[in-house]
Amino acid sequence: MQITVSGHQMEITEPLRNYASEKIGRIQKHFDHVINTNIVLHVQKNQHKAEATIHTRGATMHADAEGLNMYAAIDSLADKLDRQVLKHKEKAKSHHRDEGSSRKNEAP
């Protein structure tokens, strides 16, 4: 999984980049089909915002979050994306039963 962290009118420090990569990287623990992730961090006055777009096979997911500081915004963003990925994984899973039902296999 390729993770790109960029800043909108702000400089991204190495600890901030590592923290974002680590938090978003845990999504791969639930879902292996993530191709790449783009994270954009920006500050407007006192609002710290984090946005991310995840590209997977068959779906593109987007989330944004705000926090008191950038680390809180990244935590909230990771939680939102984690829920979206789990929901997508559940939808993609086949809910059909096995080929034959027990009634058809029973002898009369």
PDB file of N, CA and C in Angstrom:
ATOM      1  N   MET A   1       0.851  -1.173   0.000  1.00  0.00           N
ATOM      2  CA  MET A   1       0.000   0.000   0.000  1.00  0.00           C
ATOM      3  C   MET A   1       0.892   1.230   0.000  1.00  0.00           C
ATOM      4  N   GLN A   2       0.596   2.133  -0.884  1.00  0.00           N
ATOM      5  CA  GLN A   2       1.358   3.375  -0.985  1.00  0.00           C
ATOM      6  C   GLN A   2       0.589   4.486  -0.272  1.00  0.00           C
ATOM      7  N   ILE A   3       1.236   5.172   0.660  1.00  0.00           N
ATOM      8  CA  ILE A   3       0.614   6.258   1.412  1.00  0.00           C
ATOM      9  C   ILE A   3       1.339   7.553   1.086  1.00  0.00           C
ATOM     10  N   THR A   4       0.584   8.560   0.627  1.00  0.00           N
ATOM     11  CA  THR A   4       1.135   9.867   0.311  1.00  0.00           C
ATOM     12  C   THR A   4       0.562  10.884   1.287  1.00  0.00           C
ATOM     13  N   VAL A   5       1.429  11.571   2.030  1.00  0.00           N
ATOM     14  CA  VAL A   5       1.004  12.587   2.986  1.00  0.00           C
ATOM     15  C   VAL A   5       1.481  13.929   2.467  1.00  0.00           C
ATOM     16  N   SER A   6       0.539  14.865   2.309  1.00  0.00           N
ATOM     17  CA  SER A   6       0.900  16.194   1.836  1.00  0.00           C
ATOM     18  C   SER A   6       0.203  17.241   2.691  1.00  0.00           C
ATOM     19  N   GLY A   7       0.701  18.448   2.628  1.00  0.00           N
ATOM     20  CA  GLY A   7       0.132  19.541   3.403  1.00  0.00           C
ATOM     21  C   GLY A   7      -0.363  20.644   2.497  1.00  0.00           C
ATOM     22  N   HIS A   8      -1.481  21.217   2.861  1.00  0.00           N
ATOM     23  CA  HIS A   8      -2.038  22.341   2.113  1.00  0.00           C
ATOM     24  C   HIS A   8      -1.685  23.611   2.875  1.00  0.00           C
ATOM     25  N   GLN A   9      -0.779  24.376   2.337  1.00  0.00           N
ATOM     26  CA  GLN A   9      -0.278  25.611   2.929  1.00  0.00           C
ATOM     27  C   GLN A   9       0.321  25.385   4.315  1.00  0.00           C
ATOM     28  N   MET A  10       0.963  24.247   4.493  1.00  0.00           N
ATOM     29  CA  MET A  10       1.702  23.969   5.723  1.00  0.00           C
ATOM     30  C   MET A  10       2.797  22.966   5.423  1.00  0.00           C
ATOM     31  N   GLU A  11       3.820  22.983   6.235  1.00  0.00           N
ATOM     32  CA  GLU A  11       4.925  22.056   6.054  1.00  0.00           C
ATOM     33  C   GLU A  11       4.672  20.803   6.888  1.00  0.00           C
ATOM     34  N   ILE A  12       4.880  19.660   6.290  1.00  0.00           N
ATOM     35  CA  ILE A  12       4.673  18.381   6.976  1.00  0.00           C
ATOM     36  C   ILE A  12       6.008  17.937   7.564  1.00  0.00           C
ATOM     37  N   THR A  13       6.047  17.800   8.885  1.00  0.00           N
ATOM     38  CA  THR A  13       7.266  17.344   9.543  1.00  0.00           C
ATOM     39  C   THR A  13       7.342  15.825   9.465  1.00  0.00           C
ATOM     40  N   GLU A  14       8.525  15.307   9.670  1.00  0.00           N
ATOM     41  CA  GLU A  14       8.720  13.853   9.593  1.00  0.00           C
ATOM     42  C   GLU A  14       7.935  13.094  10.666  1.00  0.00           C
ATOM     43  N   PRO A  15       7.893  13.578  11.928  1.00  0.00           N
ATOM     44  CA  PRO A  15       7.069  12.860  12.928  1.00  0.00           C
ATOM     45  C   PRO A  15       5.574  12.859  12.563  1.00  0.00           C
ATOM     46  N   LEU A  16       5.076  13.948  11.993  1.00  0.00           N
ATOM     47  CA  LEU A  16       3.675  14.018  11.580  1.00  0.00           C
ATOM     48  C   LEU A  16       3.405  13.061  10.425  1.00  0.00           C
ATOM     49  N   ARG A  17       4.334  12.990   9.485  1.00  0.00           N
ATOM     50  CA  ARG A  17       4.206  12.066   8.348  1.00  0.00           C
ATOM     51  C   ARG A  17       4.224  10.611   8.827  1.00  0.00           C
ATOM     52  N   ASN A  18       5.117  10.290   9.749  1.00  0.00           N
ATOM     53  CA  ASN A  18       5.198   8.925  10.287  1.00  0.00           C
ATOM     54  C   ASN A  18       3.940   8.555  11.067  1.00  0.00           C
ATOM     55  N   TYR A  19       3.412   9.502  11.852  1.00  0.00           N
ATOM     56  CA  TYR A  19       2.212   9.243  12.643  1.00  0.00           C
ATOM     57  C   TYR A  19       1.013   8.973  11.728  1.00  0.00           C
ATOM     58  N   ALA A  20       0.854   9.790  10.690  1.00  0.00           N
ATOM     59  CA  ALA A  20      -0.258   9.603   9.749  1.00  0.00           C
ATOM     60  C   ALA A  20      -0.118   8.274   9.005  1.00  0.00           C
ATOM     61  N   SER A  21       1.075   7.954   8.570  1.00  0.00           N
ATOM     62  CA  SER A  21       1.299   6.690   7.853  1.00  0.00           C
ATOM     63  C   SER A  21       1.021   5.485   8.742  1.00  0.00           C
ATOM     64  N   GLU A  22       1.423   5.576  10.002  1.00  0.00           N
ATOM     65  CA  GLU A  22       1.203   4.475  10.933  1.00  0.00           C
ATOM     66  C   GLU A  22      -0.290   4.281  11.206  1.00  0.00           C
ATOM     67  N   LYS A  23      -1.018   5.362  11.453  1.00  0.00           N
ATOM     68  CA  LYS A  23      -2.444   5.275  11.764  1.00  0.00           C
ATOM     69  C   LYS A  23      -3.252   4.778  10.570  1.00  0.00           C
ATOM     70  N   ILE A  24      -2.970   5.292   9.394  1.00  0.00           N
ATOM     71  CA  ILE A  24      -3.714   4.878   8.201  1.00  0.00           C
ATOM     72  C   ILE A  24      -3.260   3.486   7.756  1.00  0.00           C
ATOM     73  N   GLY A  25      -2.033   3.126   8.049  1.00  0.00           N
ATOM     74  CA  GLY A  25      -1.518   1.811   7.682  1.00  0.00           C
ATOM     75  C   GLY A  25      -2.218   0.662   8.384  1.00  0.00           C
ATOM     76  N   ARG A  26      -2.860   0.938   9.528  1.00  0.00           N
ATOM     77  CA  ARG A  26      -3.565  -0.130  10.241  1.00  0.00           C
ATOM     78  C   ARG A  26      -4.798  -0.605   9.474  1.00  0.00           C
ATOM     79  N   ILE A  27      -5.249   0.174   8.504  1.00  0.00           N
ATOM     80  CA  ILE A  27      -6.394  -0.223   7.680  1.00  0.00           C
ATOM     81  C   ILE A  27      -6.049  -1.477   6.896  1.00  0.00           C
ATOM     82  N   GLN A  28      -4.796  -1.612   6.522  1.00  0.00           N
ATOM     83  CA  GLN A  28      -4.367  -2.773   5.754  1.00  0.00           C
ATOM     84  C   GLN A  28      -4.512  -4.056   6.568  1.00  0.00           C
ATOM     85  N   LYS A  29      -4.569  -3.940   7.893  1.00  0.00           N
ATOM     86  CA  LYS A  29      -4.766  -5.099   8.753  1.00  0.00           C
ATOM     87  C   LYS A  29      -6.156  -5.712   8.510  1.00  0.00           C
ATOM     88  N   HIS A  30      -7.139  -4.865   8.185  1.00  0.00           N
ATOM     89  CA  HIS A  30      -8.501  -5.332   7.951  1.00  0.00           C
ATOM     90  C   HIS A  30      -8.773  -5.671   6.497  1.00  0.00           C
ATOM     91  N   PHE A  31      -8.090  -4.976   5.588  1.00  0.00           N
ATOM     92  CA  PHE A  31      -8.446  -5.076   4.173  1.00  0.00           C
ATOM     93  C   PHE A  31      -7.173  -4.995   3.343  1.00  0.00           C
ATOM     94  N   ASP A  32      -6.826  -6.079   2.642  1.00  0.00           N
ATOM     95  CA  ASP A  32      -5.557  -6.156   1.918  1.00  0.00           C
ATOM     96  C   ASP A  32      -5.591  -5.529   0.534  1.00  0.00           C
ATOM     97  N   HIS A  33      -6.756  -5.167   0.037  1.00  0.00           N
ATOM     98  CA  HIS A  33      -6.885  -4.730  -1.352  1.00  0.00           C
ATOM     99  C   HIS A  33      -6.726  -3.224  -1.546  1.00  0.00           C
ATOM    100  N   VAL A  34      -6.115  -2.524  -0.610  1.00  0.00           N
ATOM    101  CA  VAL A  34      -5.895  -1.085  -0.747  1.00  0.00           C
ATOM    102  C   VAL A  34      -4.728  -0.857  -1.692  1.00  0.00           C
ATOM    103  N   ILE A  35      -4.967  -0.038  -2.722  1.00  0.00           N
ATOM    104  CA  ILE A  35      -3.926   0.235  -3.709  1.00  0.00           C
ATOM    105  C   ILE A  35      -3.068   1.410  -3.253  1.00  0.00           C
ATOM    106  N   ASN A  36      -3.702   2.552  -3.026  1.00  0.00           N
ATOM    107  CA  ASN A  36      -2.958   3.705  -2.520  1.00  0.00           C
ATOM    108  C   ASN A  36      -3.865   4.611  -1.695  1.00  0.00           C
ATOM    109  N   THR A  37      -3.237   5.464  -0.900  1.00  0.00           N
ATOM    110  CA  THR A  37      -3.947   6.377  -0.014  1.00  0.00           C
ATOM    111  C   THR A  37      -3.299   7.749  -0.112  1.00  0.00           C
ATOM    112  N   ASN A  38      -4.138   8.769  -0.286  1.00  0.00           N
ATOM    113  CA  ASN A  38      -3.673  10.155  -0.320  1.00  0.00           C
ATOM    114  C   ASN A  38      -4.220  10.872   0.907  1.00  0.00           C
ATOM    115  N   ILE A  39      -3.327  11.457   1.701  1.00  0.00           N
ATOM    116  CA  ILE A  39      -3.717  12.184   2.910  1.00  0.00           C
ATOM    117  C   ILE A  39      -3.304  13.640   2.734  1.00  0.00           C
ATOM    118  N   VAL A  40      -4.247  14.544   2.993  1.00  0.00           N
ATOM    119  CA  VAL A  40      -3.972  15.975   2.911  1.00  0.00           C
ATOM    120  C   VAL A  40      -4.276  16.581   4.271  1.00  0.00           C
ATOM    121  N   LEU A  41      -3.296  17.277   4.842  1.00  0.00           N
ATOM    122  CA  LEU A  41      -3.439  17.934   6.136  1.00  0.00           C
ATOM    123  C   LEU A  41      -3.406  19.433   5.933  1.00  0.00           C
ATOM    124  N   HIS A  42      -4.315  20.167   6.585  1.00  0.00           N
ATOM    125  CA  HIS A  42      -4.266  21.616   6.500  1.00  0.00           C
ATOM    126  C   HIS A  42      -4.838  22.274   7.747  1.00  0.00           C
ATOM    127  N   VAL A  43      -4.388  23.501   7.982  1.00  0.00           N
ATOM    128  CA  VAL A  43      -4.804  24.281   9.147  1.00  0.00           C
ATOM    129  C   VAL A  43      -5.432  25.567   8.649  1.00  0.00           C
ATOM    130  N   GLN A  44      -6.632  25.867   9.171  1.00  0.00           N
ATOM    131  CA  GLN A  44      -7.300  27.132   8.878  1.00  0.00           C
ATOM    132  C   GLN A  44      -7.637  27.781  10.209  1.00  0.00           C
ATOM    133  N   LYS A  45      -6.983  28.880  10.502  1.00  0.00           N
ATOM    134  CA  LYS A  45      -7.106  29.561  11.789  1.00  0.00           C
ATOM    135  C   LYS A  45      -6.848  28.563  12.912  1.00  0.00           C
ATOM    136  N   ASN A  46      -7.845  28.179  13.691  1.00  0.00           N
ATOM    137  CA  ASN A  46      -7.641  27.241  14.795  1.00  0.00           C
ATOM    138  C   ASN A  46      -8.153  25.844  14.480  1.00  0.00           C
ATOM    139  N   GLN A  47      -8.570  25.602  13.250  1.00  0.00           N
ATOM    140  CA  GLN A  47      -9.091  24.295  12.866  1.00  0.00           C
ATOM    141  C   GLN A  47      -7.996  23.465  12.198  1.00  0.00           C
ATOM    142  N   HIS A  48      -7.797  22.290  12.713  1.00  0.00           N
ATOM    143  CA  HIS A  48      -6.853  21.352  12.114  1.00  0.00           C
ATOM    144  C   HIS A  48      -7.676  20.311  11.375  1.00  0.00           C
ATOM    145  N   LYS A  49      -7.456  20.179  10.073  1.00  0.00           N
ATOM    146  CA  LYS A  49      -8.238  19.261   9.255  1.00  0.00           C
ATOM    147  C   LYS A  49      -7.332  18.217   8.611  1.00  0.00           C
ATOM    148  N   ALA A  50      -7.878  17.028   8.490  1.00  0.00           N
ATOM    149  CA  ALA A  50      -7.195  15.932   7.808  1.00  0.00           C
ATOM    150  C   ALA A  50      -8.198  15.290   6.858  1.00  0.00           C
ATOM    151  N   GLU A  51      -7.772  15.080   5.622  1.00  0.00           N
ATOM    152  CA  GLU A  51      -8.608  14.439   4.611  1.00  0.00           C
ATOM    153  C   GLU A  51      -7.829  13.279   4.017  1.00  0.00           C
ATOM    154  N   ALA A  52      -8.545  12.230   3.637  1.00  0.00           N
ATOM    155  CA  ALA A  52      -7.882  11.082   3.019  1.00  0.00           C
ATOM    156  C   ALA A  52      -8.801  10.459   1.981  1.00  0.00           C
ATOM    157  N   THR A  53      -8.180   9.956   0.927  1.00  0.00           N
ATOM    158  CA  THR A  53      -8.871   9.214  -0.113  1.00  0.00           C
ATOM    159  C   THR A  53      -8.152   7.882  -0.269  1.00  0.00           C
ATOM    160  N   ILE A  54      -8.926   6.809  -0.165  1.00  0.00           N
ATOM    161  CA  ILE A  54      -8.378   5.464  -0.301  1.00  0.00           C
ATOM    162  C   ILE A  54      -8.886   4.870  -1.601  1.00  0.00           C
ATOM    163  N   HIS A  55      -7.970   4.375  -2.406  1.00  0.00           N
ATOM    164  CA  HIS A  55      -8.319   3.716  -3.661  1.00  0.00           C
ATOM    165  C   HIS A  55      -8.126   2.217  -3.473  1.00  0.00           C
ATOM    166  N   THR A  56      -9.201   1.472  -3.675  1.00  0.00           N
ATOM    167  CA  THR A  56      -9.149   0.016  -3.579  1.00  0.00           C
ATOM    168  C   THR A  56      -9.676  -0.567  -4.877  1.00  0.00           C
ATOM    169  N   ARG A  57      -9.559  -1.877  -4.995  1.00  0.00           N
ATOM    170  CA  ARG A  57     -10.151  -2.526  -6.156  1.00  0.00           C
ATOM    171  C   ARG A  57     -11.667  -2.455  -6.010  1.00  0.00           C
ATOM    172  N   GLY A  58     -12.321  -1.727  -6.906  1.00  0.00           N
ATOM    173  CA  GLY A  58     -13.771  -1.670  -6.911  1.00  0.00           C
ATOM    174  C   GLY A  58     -14.383  -0.521  -6.137  1.00  0.00           C
ATOM    175  N   ALA A  59     -13.613   0.253  -5.400  1.00  0.00           N
ATOM    176  CA  ALA A  59     -14.203   1.342  -4.622  1.00  0.00           C
ATOM    177  C   ALA A  59     -13.165   2.416  -4.319  1.00  0.00           C
ATOM    178  N   THR A  60     -13.672   3.624  -4.144  1.00  0.00           N
ATOM    179  CA  THR A  60     -12.863   4.747  -3.679  1.00  0.00           C
ATOM    180  C   THR A  60     -13.570   5.334  -2.475  1.00  0.00           C
ATOM    181  N   MET A  61     -12.864   5.438  -1.353  1.00  0.00           N
ATOM    182  CA  MET A  61     -13.459   5.951  -0.119  1.00  0.00           C
ATOM    183  C   MET A  61     -12.771   7.246   0.278  1.00  0.00           C
ATOM    184  N   HIS A  62     -13.581   8.189   0.779  1.00  0.00           N
ATOM    185  CA  HIS A  62     -13.065   9.490   1.184  1.00  0.00           C
ATOM    186  C   HIS A  62     -13.607   9.818   2.565  1.00  0.00           C
ATOM    187  N   ALA A  63     -12.773  10.437   3.383  1.00  0.00           N
ATOM    188  CA  ALA A  63     -13.204  10.879   4.711  1.00  0.00           C
ATOM    189  C   ALA A  63     -12.417  12.122   5.081  1.00  0.00           C
ATOM    190  N   ASP A  64     -13.019  12.947   5.917  1.00  0.00           N
ATOM    191  CA  ASP A  64     -12.311  14.104   6.458  1.00  0.00           C
ATOM    192  C   ASP A  64     -12.681  14.261   7.921  1.00  0.00           C
ATOM    193  N   ALA A  65     -11.780  14.874   8.681  1.00  0.00           N
ATOM    194  CA  ALA A  65     -11.987  15.015  10.122  1.00  0.00           C
ATOM    195  C   ALA A  65     -11.312  16.282  10.609  1.00  0.00           C
ATOM    196  N   GLU A  66     -11.834  16.804  11.706  1.00  0.00           N
ATOM    197  CA  GLU A  66     -11.263  17.981  12.349  1.00  0.00           C
ATOM    198  C   GLU A  66     -10.911  17.628  13.781  1.00  0.00           C
ATOM    199  N   GLY A  67      -9.943  18.354  14.330  1.00  0.00           N
ATOM    200  CA  GLY A  67      -9.544  18.101  15.702  1.00  0.00           C
ATOM    201  C   GLY A  67      -8.932  19.326  16.336  1.00  0.00           C
ATOM    202  N   LEU A  68      -8.697  19.245  17.644  1.00  0.00           N
ATOM    203  CA  LEU A  68      -8.077  20.355  18.361  1.00  0.00           C
ATOM    204  C   LEU A  68      -6.629  20.540  17.949  1.00  0.00           C
ATOM    205  N   ASN A  69      -5.977  19.432  17.615  1.00  0.00           N
ATOM    206  CA  ASN A  69      -4.632  19.495  17.057  1.00  0.00           C
ATOM    207  C   ASN A  69      -4.563  18.501  15.901  1.00  0.00           C
ATOM    208  N   MET A  70      -3.473  18.499  15.188  1.00  0.00           N
ATOM    209  CA  MET A  70      -3.373  17.666  13.989  1.00  0.00           C
ATOM    210  C   MET A  70      -3.386  16.177  14.335  1.00  0.00           C
ATOM    211  N   TYR A  71      -2.802  15.800  15.461  1.00  0.00           N
ATOM    212  CA  TYR A  71      -2.777  14.395  15.849  1.00  0.00           C
ATOM    213  C   TYR A  71      -4.189  13.888  16.158  1.00  0.00           C
ATOM    214  N   ALA A  72      -5.010  14.726  16.802  1.00  0.00           N
ATOM    215  CA  ALA A  72      -6.401  14.339  17.093  1.00  0.00           C
ATOM    216  C   ALA A  72      -7.195  14.217  15.795  1.00  0.00           C
ATOM    217  N   ALA A  73      -6.941  15.096  14.838  1.00  0.00           N
ATOM    218  CA  ALA A  73      -7.624  15.027  13.542  1.00  0.00           C
ATOM    219  C   ALA A  73      -7.249  13.754  12.800  1.00  0.00           C
ATOM    220  N   ILE A  74      -5.983  13.370  12.863  1.00  0.00           N
ATOM    221  CA  ILE A  74      -5.524  12.138  12.200  1.00  0.00           C
ATOM    222  C   ILE A  74      -6.152  10.916  12.870  1.00  0.00           C
ATOM    223  N   ASP A  75      -6.242  10.923  14.209  1.00  0.00           N
ATOM    224  CA  ASP A  75      -6.882   9.813  14.924  1.00  0.00           C
ATOM    225  C   ASP A  75      -8.340   9.658  14.503  1.00  0.00           C
ATOM    226  N   SER A  76      -9.057  10.766  14.453  1.00  0.00           N
ATOM    227  CA  SER A  76     -10.459  10.735  14.053  1.00  0.00           C
ATOM    228  C   SER A  76     -10.612  10.267  12.612  1.00  0.00           C
ATOM    229  N   LEU A  77      -9.728  10.721  11.747  1.00  0.00           N
ATOM    230  CA  LEU A  77      -9.744  10.319  10.340  1.00  0.00           C
ATOM    231  C   LEU A  77      -9.505   8.816  10.208  1.00  0.00           C
ATOM    232  N   ALA A  78      -8.551   8.296  10.945  1.00  0.00           N
ATOM    233  CA  ALA A  78      -8.249   6.863  10.879  1.00  0.00           C
ATOM    234  C   ALA A  78      -9.445   6.032  11.339  1.00  0.00           C
ATOM    235  N   ASP A  79     -10.138   6.490  12.387  1.00  0.00           N
ATOM    236  CA  ASP A  79     -11.320   5.773  12.864  1.00  0.00           C
ATOM    237  C   ASP A  79     -12.427   5.767  11.817  1.00  0.00           C
ATOM    238  N   LYS A  80     -12.655   6.903  11.173  1.00  0.00           N
ATOM    239  CA  LYS A  80     -13.690   6.979  10.137  1.00  0.00           C
ATOM    240  C   LYS A  80     -13.368   6.067   8.960  1.00  0.00           C
ATOM    241  N   LEU A  81     -12.125   6.098   8.519  1.00  0.00           N
ATOM    242  CA  LEU A  81     -11.737   5.254   7.388  1.00  0.00           C
ATOM    243  C   LEU A  81     -11.805   3.773   7.757  1.00  0.00           C
ATOM    244  N   ASP A  82     -11.452   3.461   8.976  1.00  0.00           N
ATOM    245  CA  ASP A  82     -11.513   2.071   9.431  1.00  0.00           C
ATOM    246  C   ASP A  82     -12.949   1.559   9.359  1.00  0.00           C
ATOM    247  N   ARG A  83     -13.908   2.360   9.812  1.00  0.00           N
ATOM    248  CA  ARG A  83     -15.317   1.962   9.742  1.00  0.00           C
ATOM    249  C   ARG A  83     -15.778   1.799   8.293  1.00  0.00           C
ATOM    250  N   GLN A  84     -15.358   2.713   7.418  1.00  0.00           N
ATOM    251  CA  GLN A  84     -15.749   2.623   6.010  1.00  0.00           C
ATOM    252  C   GLN A  84     -15.193   1.358   5.360  1.00  0.00           C
ATOM    253  N   VAL A  85     -13.940   1.048   5.646  1.00  0.00           N
ATOM    254  CA  VAL A  85     -13.306  -0.135   5.048  1.00  0.00           C
ATOM    255  C   VAL A  85     -13.990  -1.406   5.540  1.00  0.00           C
ATOM    256  N   LEU A  86     -14.303  -1.482   6.828  1.00  0.00           N
ATOM    257  CA  LEU A  86     -14.988  -2.658   7.358  1.00  0.00           C
ATOM    258  C   LEU A  86     -16.381  -2.805   6.741  1.00  0.00           C
ATOM    259  N   LYS A  87     -17.068  -1.688   6.552  1.00  0.00           N
ATOM    260  CA  LYS A  87     -18.396  -1.725   5.932  1.00  0.00           C
ATOM    261  C   LYS A  87     -18.289  -2.193   4.483  1.00  0.00           C
ATOM    262  N   HIS A  88     -17.293  -1.697   3.756  1.00  0.00           N
ATOM    263  CA  HIS A  88     -17.090  -2.113   2.369  1.00  0.00           C
ATOM    264  C   HIS A  88     -16.737  -3.601   2.302  1.00  0.00           C
ATOM    265  N   LYS A  89     -15.920  -4.050   3.219  1.00  0.00           N
ATOM    266  CA  LYS A  89     -15.523  -5.457   3.241  1.00  0.00           C
ATOM    267  C   LYS A  89     -16.735  -6.347   3.504  1.00  0.00           C
ATOM    268  N   GLU A  90     -17.613  -5.928   4.409  1.00  0.00           N
ATOM    269  CA  GLU A  90     -18.813  -6.705   4.720  1.00  0.00           C
ATOM    270  C   GLU A  90     -19.751  -6.759   3.514  1.00  0.00           C
ATOM    271  N   LYS A  91     -19.878  -5.658   2.785  1.00  0.00           N
ATOM    272  CA  LYS A  91     -20.733  -5.637   1.600  1.00  0.00           C
ATOM    273  C   LYS A  91     -20.165  -6.517   0.491  1.00  0.00           C
ATOM    274  N   ALA A  92     -18.866  -6.560   0.377  1.00  0.00           N
ATOM    275  CA  ALA A  92     -18.230  -7.318  -0.698  1.00  0.00           C
ATOM    276  C   ALA A  92     -18.253  -8.823  -0.430  1.00  0.00           C
ATOM    277  N   LYS A  93     -18.416  -9.207   0.825  1.00  0.00           N
ATOM    278  CA  LYS A  93     -18.411 -10.620   1.191  1.00  0.00           C
ATOM    279  C   LYS A  93     -19.694 -11.287   0.697  1.00  0.00           C
ATOM    280  N   SER A  94     -19.580 -12.497   0.200  1.00  0.00           N
ATOM    281  CA  SER A  94     -20.727 -13.239  -0.280  1.00  0.00           C
ATOM    282  C   SER A  94     -21.531 -13.757   0.906  1.00  0.00           C
ATOM    283  N   HIS A  95     -22.836 -13.498   0.897  1.00  0.00           N
ATOM    284  CA  HIS A  95     -23.699 -13.939   1.982  1.00  0.00           C
ATOM    285  C   HIS A  95     -24.560 -15.133   1.578  1.00  0.00           C
ATOM    286  N   HIS A  96     -24.252 -15.749   0.435  1.00  0.00           N
ATOM    287  CA  HIS A  96     -25.019 -16.889  -0.028  1.00  0.00           C
ATOM    288  C   HIS A  96     -24.597 -18.142   0.726  1.00  0.00           C
ATOM    289  N   ARG A  97     -25.561 -19.015   0.906  1.00  0.00           N
ATOM    290  CA  ARG A  97     -25.260 -20.280   1.563  1.00  0.00           C
ATOM    291  C   ARG A  97     -24.531 -21.197   0.601  1.00  0.00           C
ATOM    292  N   ASP A  98     -24.126 -22.330   1.110  1.00  0.00           N
ATOM    293  CA  ASP A  98     -23.466 -23.323   0.260  1.00  0.00           C
ATOM    294  C   ASP A  98     -24.422 -23.777  -0.828  1.00  0.00           C
ATOM    295  N   GLU A  99     -23.902 -24.464  -1.816  1.00  0.00           N
ATOM    296  CA  GLU A  99     -24.675 -24.859  -3.004  1.00  0.00           C
ATOM    297  C   GLU A  99     -25.985 -25.559  -2.677  1.00  0.00           C
ATOM    298  N   GLY A 100     -25.943 -26.618  -1.930  1.00  0.00           N
ATOM    299  CA  GLY A 100     -27.155 -27.383  -1.665  1.00  0.00           C
ATOM    300  C   GLY A 100     -27.710 -27.085  -0.290  1.00  0.00           C
ATOM    301  N   SER A 101     -29.015 -27.011  -0.191  1.00  0.00           N
ATOM    302  CA  SER A 101     -29.605 -26.840   1.131  1.00  0.00           C
ATOM    303  C   SER A 101     -29.815 -28.213   1.754  1.00  0.00           C
ATOM    304  N   SER A 102     -30.061 -28.247   3.031  1.00  0.00           N
ATOM    305  CA  SER A 102     -30.218 -29.526   3.722  1.00  0.00           C
ATOM    306  C   SER A 102     -31.483 -30.254   3.292  1.00  0.00           C
ATOM    307  N   ARG A 103     -32.505 -29.522   2.856  1.00  0.00           N
ATOM    308  CA  ARG A 103     -33.747 -30.163   2.422  1.00  0.00           C
ATOM    309  C   ARG A 103     -33.540 -30.932   1.119  1.00  0.00           C
ATOM    310  N   LYS A 104     -32.768 -30.399   0.217  1.00  0.00           N
ATOM    311  CA  LYS A 104     -32.537 -31.060  -1.061  1.00  0.00           C
ATOM    312  C   LYS A 104     -31.670 -32.303  -0.901  1.00  0.00           C
ATOM    313  N   ASN A 105     -30.767 -32.302   0.073  1.00  0.00           N
ATOM    314  CA  ASN A 105     -29.832 -33.406   0.243  1.00  0.00           C
ATOM    315  C   ASN A 105     -30.413 -34.567   1.037  1.00  0.00           C
ATOM    316  N   GLU A 106     -31.566 -34.352   1.697  1.00  0.00           N
ATOM    317  CA  GLU A 106     -32.154 -35.420   2.490  1.00  0.00           C
ATOM    318  C   GLU A 106     -32.836 -36.442   1.598  1.00  0.00           C
ATOM    319  N   ALA A 107     -32.781 -37.683   1.989  1.00  0.00           N
ATOM    320  CA  ALA A 107     -33.457 -38.748   1.239  1.00  0.00           C
ATOM    321  C   ALA A 107     -34.925 -38.779   1.648  1.00  0.00           C
ATOM    322  N   PRO A 108     -35.856 -38.974   0.701  1.00  0.00           N
ATOM    323  CA  PRO A 108     -37.291 -38.984   1.045  1.00  0.00           C
ATOM    324  C   PRO A 108     -37.741 -40.208   1.762  1.00  0.00           C
TER     325      PRO A 108
END
